[in-house]
Amino acid sequence: MVYKSKSNMKIKVKILDERLSKLPSPATSGSAAIDLKACISDPLVLTPNSCELVHTGLSIFISDPECAGLILPRSGLGHKHGIVLGNLTGLIDSDYQGPLMVSLWNRSQETYNVSPMDRIAQFVVIPIKKFTLEEVDTFEETLRGNKGFGSSGKN
């Protein structure tokens, strides 16, 4: 059973690879994201420290300017095999309408093989708070102030 909240937004999707027989959906009712698959013809060999751009077989259009998509790594691939995203997180703007691609990076010391249709990443939609920049000469004082990166301590 797939849970659908009353605020379930619709995102337009084109299937670009006929091997995707149905649209991806969350794996469980508590899943925050959908899995993206490697739509490749042949196995992909990721040698240590190599990075490859992999097709997902999907093209999307979020259309809501108050939302964005994120392509995130699969935690099991990262922890067990060192396979993460080459750009660490993929940001998909609301007006983007092109194919979803995943930059796979093998940060391990072992070769890893990606098979066609393997689950390689996750896609989630998040709300975006729009902002404008305002130039100022000073900021209001805080306890941390401008002490810099790592200044809040070890704990």
Protein backbone atom coordinates (compact mmCIF):
# COMPACT_ATOMS: atom_id res chain seq x y z
CA MET A 1 0.00 0.00 0.00
CA VAL A 2 1.37 3.41 -0.96
CA TYR A 3 0.46 6.21 1.43
CA LYS A 4 -0.83 9.36 -0.23
CA SER A 5 -1.24 12.44 1.91
CA LYS A 6 -3.70 15.18 1.07
CA SER A 7 -0.75 17.38 0.15
CA ASN A 8 0.69 14.85 -2.32
CA MET A 9 2.02 16.99 -5.18
CA LYS A 10 2.15 15.75 -8.75
CA ILE A 11 5.39 15.90 -10.72
CA LYS A 12 5.32 15.38 -14.46
CA VAL A 13 7.54 12.52 -15.60
CA LYS A 14 8.53 11.20 -19.01
CA ILE A 15 9.77 7.64 -19.23
CA LEU A 16 12.80 7.73 -21.54
CA ASP A 17 13.77 4.08 -21.22
CA GLU A 18 11.26 1.37 -22.12
CA ARG A 19 12.76 -0.97 -19.51
CA LEU A 20 11.06 1.16 -16.88
CA SER A 21 7.70 -0.59 -17.13
CA LYS A 22 6.12 1.63 -14.47
CA LEU A 23 6.80 4.89 -12.73
CA PRO A 24 9.02 4.67 -9.65
CA SER A 25 7.21 4.99 -6.33
CA PRO A 26 8.28 5.03 -2.69
CA ALA A 27 9.25 1.55 -1.48
CA THR A 28 7.30 1.86 1.80
CA SER A 29 4.72 4.20 3.29
CA GLY A 30 7.52 5.84 5.29
CA SER A 31 9.93 6.30 2.37
CA ALA A 32 10.92 9.91 1.82
CA ALA A 33 12.25 9.32 -1.69
CA ILE A 34 11.96 7.17 -4.79
CA ASP A 35 14.79 5.02 -6.09
CA LEU A 36 16.53 5.88 -9.35
CA LYS A 37 17.85 3.05 -11.50
CA ALA A 38 20.85 2.74 -13.78
CA CYS A 39 19.37 2.72 -17.28
CA ILE A 40 22.48 1.41 -18.96
CA SER A 41 22.82 -1.22 -21.68
CA ASP A 42 25.88 -3.00 -20.33
CA PRO A 43 27.40 -3.41 -16.87
CA LEU A 44 29.41 -0.37 -15.80
CA VAL A 45 32.77 -0.95 -14.14
CA LEU A 46 33.60 1.78 -11.64
CA THR A 47 37.29 1.55 -10.87
CA PRO A 48 38.64 3.12 -7.66
CA ASN A 49 38.26 6.91 -7.69
CA SER A 50 36.45 6.91 -11.05
CA CYS A 51 33.29 8.89 -11.75
CA GLU A 52 30.66 8.20 -14.43
CA LEU A 53 27.44 9.95 -15.47
CA VAL A 54 24.59 7.43 -15.54
CA HIS A 55 21.16 7.78 -17.17
CA THR A 56 18.08 7.07 -15.02
CA GLY A 57 15.61 6.73 -17.89
CA LEU A 58 13.44 9.54 -16.52
CA SER A 59 12.86 13.17 -17.38
CA ILE A 60 10.99 15.34 -14.88
CA PHE A 61 9.30 18.70 -14.55
CA ILE A 62 8.60 19.81 -10.97
CA SER A 63 6.97 23.11 -12.12
CA ASP A 64 6.37 24.51 -8.61
CA PRO A 65 8.92 27.32 -8.04
CA GLU A 66 8.64 26.77 -4.29
CA CYS A 67 10.08 23.25 -4.62
CA ALA A 68 13.26 21.60 -5.86
CA GLY A 69 14.40 18.05 -6.35
CA LEU A 70 17.43 16.45 -4.77
CA ILE A 71 19.32 13.44 -6.05
CA LEU A 72 20.87 11.75 -3.04
CA PRO A 73 23.17 8.75 -2.63
CA ARG A 74 21.88 5.40 -1.41
CA SER A 75 23.30 4.95 2.07
CA GLY A 76 24.02 1.21 1.65
CA LEU A 77 26.02 1.77 -1.54
CA GLY A 78 28.02 4.51 0.12
CA HIS A 79 28.73 2.71 3.38
CA LYS A 80 29.28 -0.82 2.10
CA HIS A 81 30.89 -0.11 -1.28
CA GLY A 82 32.05 3.53 -1.31
CA ILE A 83 29.66 4.44 -4.16
CA VAL A 84 28.45 8.02 -3.68
CA LEU A 85 27.51 10.92 -5.94
CA GLY A 86 30.29 12.71 -7.77
CA ASN A 87 28.64 16.05 -7.00
CA LEU A 88 27.57 14.81 -3.51
CA THR A 89 23.99 16.07 -4.03
CA GLY A 90 22.22 16.79 -7.30
CA LEU A 91 19.95 19.85 -7.26
CA ILE A 92 17.05 19.80 -9.73
CA ASP A 93 15.46 23.21 -10.24
CA SER A 94 11.69 23.48 -10.60
CA ASP A 95 11.93 24.65 -14.23
CA TYR A 96 14.31 21.90 -15.36
CA GLN A 97 12.69 19.51 -17.84
CA GLY A 98 15.58 17.34 -18.92
CA PRO A 99 16.69 13.83 -18.11
CA LEU A 100 17.74 12.90 -14.60
CA MET A 101 21.37 11.85 -14.57
CA VAL A 102 23.40 10.50 -11.66
CA SER A 103 27.10 11.17 -11.24
CA LEU A 104 28.40 7.97 -9.61
CA TRP A 105 31.77 8.16 -7.88
CA ASN A 106 33.67 5.16 -6.54
CA ARG A 107 35.56 6.57 -3.55
CA SER A 108 36.65 3.09 -2.42
CA GLN A 109 39.84 1.17 -3.21
CA GLU A 110 37.86 -1.67 -4.85
CA THR A 111 36.30 -1.93 -8.30
CA TYR A 112 32.49 -1.89 -8.23
CA ASN A 113 30.18 -3.17 -10.97
CA VAL A 114 26.86 -1.46 -11.67
CA SER A 115 24.42 -3.71 -13.51
CA PRO A 116 21.65 -2.45 -15.79
CA MET A 117 18.60 -1.42 -13.73
CA ASP A 118 20.45 -1.42 -10.37
CA ARG A 119 19.14 1.11 -7.86
CA ILE A 120 21.84 3.78 -7.77
CA ALA A 121 20.41 6.90 -6.10
CA GLN A 122 17.30 8.45 -4.57
CA PHE A 123 15.14 11.39 -5.62
CA VAL A 124 13.23 13.58 -3.17
CA VAL A 125 11.35 16.87 -3.50
CA ILE A 126 11.85 19.57 -0.88
CA PRO A 127 10.30 23.00 -0.24
CA ILE A 128 12.45 25.99 -1.12
CA LYS A 129 12.39 29.32 0.68
CA LYS A 130 13.02 32.05 -1.89
CA PHE A 131 15.38 34.83 -0.82
CA THR A 132 17.06 37.98 -2.00
CA LEU A 133 20.42 39.28 -0.87
CA GLU A 134 20.65 42.54 1.05
CA GLU A 135 24.06 44.16 1.29
CA VAL A 136 24.95 45.45 4.79
CA ASP A 137 28.04 46.83 6.48
CA THR A 138 27.57 44.95 9.77
CA PHE A 139 25.54 42.09 11.26
CA GLU A 140 23.71 41.88 14.56
CA GLU A 141 26.02 40.35 17.19
CA THR A 142 25.65 36.67 18.15
CA LEU A 143 27.61 34.49 20.60
CA ARG A 144 29.41 32.76 17.75
CA GLY A 145 29.88 35.85 15.61
CA ASN A 146 32.53 35.50 12.91
CA LYS A 147 34.72 32.97 14.72
CA GLY A 148 34.62 30.75 11.66
CA PHE A 149 34.33 27.13 10.64
CA GLY A 150 34.43 24.66 13.54
CA SER A 151 34.31 27.39 16.18
CA SER A 152 31.29 25.98 18.01
CA GLY A 153 33.41 23.23 19.54
CA LYS A 154 33.85 19.49 19.39
CA ASN A 155 30.64 18.48 21.17
